[in-house]
Amino acid sequence: ARQRAVAALIGCDIHPLHNVSVLDRLRGLGHDEPVILAWIGHWIGEGLQAVEQLIAEDGFCLGASPGLADI
């Protein structure tokens, strides 16, 4: 379950915010680059904090030992 939660956070909450279409939409709404970067940084940071909370117990992304996701 934790593996799916980590994958969902990255695939659904973090990654889509840095897609070209999202960036273009923000630019189209008149936001300049510093504002866009601050907005994206905030929400990606929120997502990464959630991932960190999920993996805090074992210290690695998907278990008690490092794997590909930890690289």
Foldseek 3Di string as FASTA:
>chain_A
DLLVVLVCLCVPQQVVLPDPVNVVVCVVVPDDDVVSVVVNVVRNVVSVVVQCVSCVVCVENPDVDHDPVRD
